[in-house]
Protein backbone atom coordinates (compact mmCIF):
# COMPACT_ATOMS: atom_id res chain seq x y z
CA UNK A 1 -16.64 -92.09 44.66
CA UNK A 2 -18.78 -94.37 42.53
CA UNK A 3 -21.89 -92.95 44.19
CA UNK A 4 -20.98 -89.44 43.03
CA UNK A 5 -20.44 -90.52 39.46
CA UNK A 6 -23.19 -93.13 39.47
CA UNK A 7 -26.02 -91.87 41.69
CA UNK A 8 -27.84 -94.56 43.65
CA UNK A 9 -31.48 -94.23 44.54
CA UNK A 10 -34.99 -95.23 43.72
CA UNK A 11 -35.24 -92.66 40.93
CA UNK A 12 -33.72 -92.54 37.52
CA UNK A 13 -30.01 -91.45 37.34
CA UNK A 14 -30.92 -88.60 34.99
CA UNK A 15 -33.08 -87.03 37.72
CA UNK A 16 -30.15 -86.99 40.11
CA UNK A 17 -27.93 -85.35 37.46
CA UNK A 18 -30.46 -82.59 36.84
CA UNK A 19 -30.64 -81.85 40.55
CA UNK A 20 -26.87 -81.70 40.77
CA UNK A 21 -26.73 -79.33 37.76
CA UNK A 22 -29.25 -76.99 39.36
CA UNK A 23 -27.25 -76.94 42.62
CA UNK A 24 -24.03 -76.26 40.73
CA UNK A 25 -25.64 -73.40 38.77
CA UNK A 26 -27.00 -71.84 41.97
CA UNK A 27 -23.57 -72.06 43.59
CA UNK A 28 -21.92 -70.45 40.57
CA UNK A 29 -24.45 -67.59 40.60
CA UNK A 30 -23.85 -67.01 44.30
CA UNK A 31 -20.08 -66.96 43.78
CA UNK A 32 -20.41 -64.55 40.85
CA UNK A 33 -22.61 -62.17 42.83
CA UNK A 34 -20.22 -62.26 45.76
CA UNK A 35 -17.27 -61.51 43.51
CA UNK A 36 -19.19 -58.58 41.90
CA UNK A 37 -19.97 -57.11 45.32
CA UNK A 38 -16.33 -57.35 46.32
CA UNK A 39 -15.17 -55.60 43.12
CA UNK A 40 -17.70 -52.81 43.57
CA UNK A 41 -16.63 -52.27 47.18
CA UNK A 42 -12.95 -52.23 46.26
CA UNK A 43 -13.42 -50.17 43.09
CA UNK A 44 -14.91 -47.14 44.97
CA UNK A 45 -11.50 -46.42 46.50
CA UNK A 46 -9.52 -46.72 43.26
CA UNK A 47 -8.12 -43.58 41.60
CA UNK A 48 -9.62 -42.86 38.19
CA UNK A 49 -7.45 -43.95 35.35
CA UNK A 50 -6.83 -41.37 32.66
CA UNK A 51 -7.25 -42.73 29.21
CA UNK A 52 -5.32 -40.86 26.58
CA UNK A 53 -7.53 -39.76 23.75
CA UNK A 54 -6.43 -41.19 20.55
CA UNK A 55 -5.96 -38.62 17.82
CA UNK A 56 -8.69 -38.54 15.24
CA UNK A 57 -7.62 -39.74 11.85
CA UNK A 58 -6.63 -37.02 9.42
CA UNK A 59 -7.21 -39.13 6.34
CA UNK A 60 -4.20 -37.50 4.71
CA UNK A 61 -5.62 -33.92 5.14
CA UNK A 62 -3.70 -31.13 6.88
CA UNK A 63 -6.05 -28.66 8.63
CA UNK A 64 -4.67 -25.10 8.86
CA UNK A 65 -6.55 -22.12 10.33
CA UNK A 66 -7.74 -19.49 7.88
CA UNK A 67 -5.78 -16.22 8.19
CA UNK A 68 -7.53 -13.11 9.55
CA UNK A 69 -8.06 -10.82 6.52
CA UNK A 70 -7.68 -7.71 8.68
CA UNK A 71 -4.37 -8.96 10.13
CA UNK A 72 -2.77 -10.25 6.93
CA UNK A 73 -3.94 -7.55 4.54
CA UNK A 74 -1.15 -5.35 3.18
CA UNK A 75 -1.64 -1.68 4.16
CA UNK A 76 -2.95 0.43 1.30
CA UNK A 77 -0.96 3.68 1.01
CA UNK A 78 -3.93 5.43 -0.61
CA UNK A 79 -6.17 4.34 2.26
CA UNK A 80 -3.65 5.68 4.77
CA UNK A 81 -3.55 8.97 2.91
CA UNK A 82 -7.34 9.07 2.92
CA UNK A 83 -7.43 8.45 6.66
CA UNK A 84 -4.87 11.20 7.22
CA UNK A 85 -6.96 13.55 5.12
CA UNK A 86 -10.08 12.63 7.06
CA UNK A 87 -8.25 13.23 10.34
CA UNK A 88 -7.08 16.60 9.11
CA UNK A 89 -10.59 17.59 8.04
CA UNK A 90 -11.96 16.46 11.39
CA UNK A 91 -9.59 18.69 13.35
CA UNK A 92 -11.25 21.73 14.88
CA UNK A 93 -11.23 24.80 12.66
CA UNK A 94 -10.45 28.25 13.99
CA UNK A 95 -13.31 30.03 15.70
CA UNK A 96 -15.30 32.08 13.17
CA UNK A 97 -15.81 35.80 13.53
CA UNK A 98 -18.93 36.87 15.43
CA UNK A 99 -22.12 35.81 13.70
CA UNK A 100 -24.28 38.37 11.92
CA UNK A 101 -27.02 37.50 14.39
CA UNK A 102 -25.07 39.40 17.09
CA UNK A 103 -26.37 42.92 17.66
CA UNK A 104 -23.90 45.74 17.17
CA UNK A 105 -22.85 47.30 20.45
CA UNK A 106 -23.03 51.09 20.68
CA UNK A 107 -19.25 51.10 21.04
CA UNK A 108 -18.95 49.41 17.62
CA UNK A 109 -21.04 52.02 15.78
CA UNK A 110 -20.11 55.49 14.62
CA UNK A 111 -22.77 58.02 13.53
CA UNK A 112 -22.08 60.98 11.24
CA UNK A 113 -24.40 63.86 10.30
CA UNK A 114 -24.10 65.69 6.98
CA UNK A 115 -25.54 68.64 5.05
CA UNK A 116 -25.89 69.13 1.32
CA UNK A 117 -24.13 72.49 1.60
CA UNK A 118 -22.52 74.76 4.12
CA UNK A 119 -25.26 77.41 3.75
CA UNK A 120 -28.76 77.95 2.43
CA UNK A 121 -31.15 80.81 1.78
CA UNK A 122 -34.09 81.69 4.02
CA UNK A 123 -36.99 79.32 3.28
CA UNK A 124 -34.96 77.26 0.77
CA UNK A 125 -34.39 74.32 3.08
CA UNK A 126 -31.51 71.85 2.86
CA UNK A 127 -30.73 68.16 2.37
CA UNK A 128 -29.53 66.33 5.51
CA UNK A 129 -27.95 62.88 5.91
CA UNK A 130 -27.41 60.36 8.70
CA UNK A 131 -24.71 57.75 8.22
CA UNK A 132 -23.69 54.80 10.43
CA UNK A 133 -20.61 52.58 10.18
CA UNK A 134 -19.58 49.33 11.87
CA UNK A 135 -16.24 50.10 13.49
CA UNK A 136 -16.03 46.71 15.24
CA UNK A 137 -14.02 43.66 14.22
CA UNK A 138 -16.93 41.41 13.25
CA UNK A 139 -20.25 41.46 11.44
CA UNK A 140 -23.27 42.50 13.48
CA UNK A 141 -26.85 43.68 13.11
CA UNK A 142 -28.28 47.13 13.80
CA UNK A 143 -31.71 48.71 13.68
CA UNK A 144 -31.58 51.39 10.97
CA UNK A 145 -35.31 52.07 10.84
CA UNK A 146 -37.14 55.37 11.34
CA UNK A 147 -37.79 54.52 14.98
CA UNK A 148 -34.05 54.35 15.71
CA UNK A 149 -32.91 57.33 13.62
CA UNK A 150 -33.28 61.04 14.21
CA UNK A 151 -31.78 64.23 12.71
CA UNK A 152 -32.09 67.45 14.69
CA UNK A 153 -31.37 71.10 13.89
CA UNK A 154 -30.61 73.47 16.71
CA UNK A 155 -29.77 77.15 16.98
CA UNK A 156 -28.02 77.81 20.25
CA UNK A 157 -30.12 76.07 22.97
CA UNK A 158 -33.28 76.11 20.80
CA UNK A 159 -34.49 72.95 19.03
CA UNK A 160 -35.49 74.22 15.58
CA UNK A 161 -36.46 71.03 13.82
CA UNK A 162 -36.48 67.20 14.29
CA UNK A 163 -37.14 64.49 11.75
CA UNK A 164 -39.33 62.82 14.39
CA UNK A 165 -41.71 65.79 14.56
CA UNK A 166 -43.37 65.18 11.21
CA UNK A 167 -42.43 61.49 10.84
CA UNK A 168 -42.95 59.83 14.25
CA UNK A 169 -42.66 56.30 12.80
CA UNK A 170 -41.39 53.56 15.13
CA UNK A 171 -40.67 51.13 12.28
CA UNK A 172 -37.60 48.89 12.58
CA UNK A 173 -35.17 47.98 9.81
CA UNK A 174 -32.63 45.40 11.01
CA UNK A 175 -29.56 45.43 8.77
CA UNK A 176 -26.32 43.43 8.82
CA UNK A 177 -23.06 45.32 8.71
CA UNK A 178 -19.66 43.76 8.16
CA UNK A 179 -16.55 45.37 9.62
CA UNK A 180 -16.12 48.82 8.01
CA UNK A 181 -19.51 48.70 6.27
CA UNK A 182 -22.04 51.52 6.65
CA UNK A 183 -25.40 52.88 5.54
CA UNK A 184 -26.77 56.37 4.90
CA UNK A 185 -30.28 57.76 4.97
CA UNK A 186 -31.35 61.26 3.92
CA UNK A 187 -34.17 63.72 4.65
CA UNK A 188 -35.02 67.23 3.49
CA UNK A 189 -35.40 70.09 5.93
CA UNK A 190 -38.08 72.42 4.58
CA UNK A 191 -36.42 75.52 6.14
CA UNK A 192 -39.14 75.81 8.76
CA UNK A 193 -39.19 75.95 12.53
CA UNK A 194 -41.32 72.98 13.61
CA UNK A 195 -42.70 71.42 16.79
CA UNK A 196 -44.04 67.98 17.73
CA UNK A 197 -47.02 67.00 15.62
CA UNK A 198 -45.77 69.15 12.74
CA UNK A 199 -48.44 71.87 13.09
CA UNK A 200 -49.57 73.95 10.10
CA UNK A 201 -48.41 77.51 9.38
CA UNK A 202 -44.90 76.79 10.64
CA UNK A 203 -42.61 79.87 10.71
CA UNK A 204 -39.60 80.11 8.44
CA UNK A 205 -36.17 79.82 9.97
CA UNK A 206 -34.42 83.17 10.06
CA UNK A 207 -30.85 83.96 9.03
CA UNK A 208 -28.30 82.74 11.49
CA UNK A 209 -26.04 79.89 12.51
CA UNK A 210 -27.44 76.38 12.90
CA UNK A 211 -26.11 72.96 13.79
CA UNK A 212 -27.12 69.47 12.69
CA UNK A 213 -26.85 66.40 14.95
CA UNK A 214 -27.75 62.82 13.92
CA UNK A 215 -28.67 59.91 16.21
CA UNK A 216 -28.99 56.13 15.80
CA UNK A 217 -30.33 54.54 18.95
CA UNK A 218 -28.40 56.14 21.78
CA UNK A 219 -25.33 56.94 19.65
CA UNK A 220 -25.09 60.55 18.51
CA UNK A 221 -22.89 62.21 15.93
CA UNK A 222 -20.84 65.31 16.32
CA UNK A 223 -22.47 68.61 15.33
CA UNK A 224 -22.16 69.95 11.78
CA UNK A 225 -22.60 73.73 11.39
CA UNK A 226 -24.32 75.58 8.54
CA UNK A 227 -25.77 79.01 8.03
CA UNK A 228 -29.06 80.42 6.81
CA UNK A 229 -28.63 83.66 4.82
């Protein structure tokens, strides 16, 4: 035991103590490494330990969520009324009557012929009229130009005169007629018997019974009778 405490040898005692210290340190390092390896090997099979999160300090402040303005706002009666009004205005309106861009059907047009008097003298001539009326339920358009209109005078089966003979214009005049609305055009018959091209030296119509018929497109009027005396 005295040799452990008091080393014996040819060298100085301090040398032996340093050697012993080095050996002891090496042994301690080896033991520590061995223990670390054991803990690592054993720790891989351990279940993870949940650590409860500690609440963060509030420092005396109470945090409350800000309210949603859209959820907490008090309904505005005036706004509700405005929305109801907007909904009412957005509702579909009744279908309008036919647009004026729709052409009048022949079945929606009536044509009437007229004379300025019931009789006239030989060679005196007479004023004649052509009238159309929209008898349909909606506004529509109709060609009322010279190319669509004609007034004829007949005597029995004979065509005595036509407004197209001396005025063969094909001009159009598109007009808009509301329900019940009409238009009238007039011409003067010179009291002559005419033919296409309105030739010169036309003979005068002789005394007798005559009839006037007016036409707009393919719609004709009833005949109106007059006499030449």
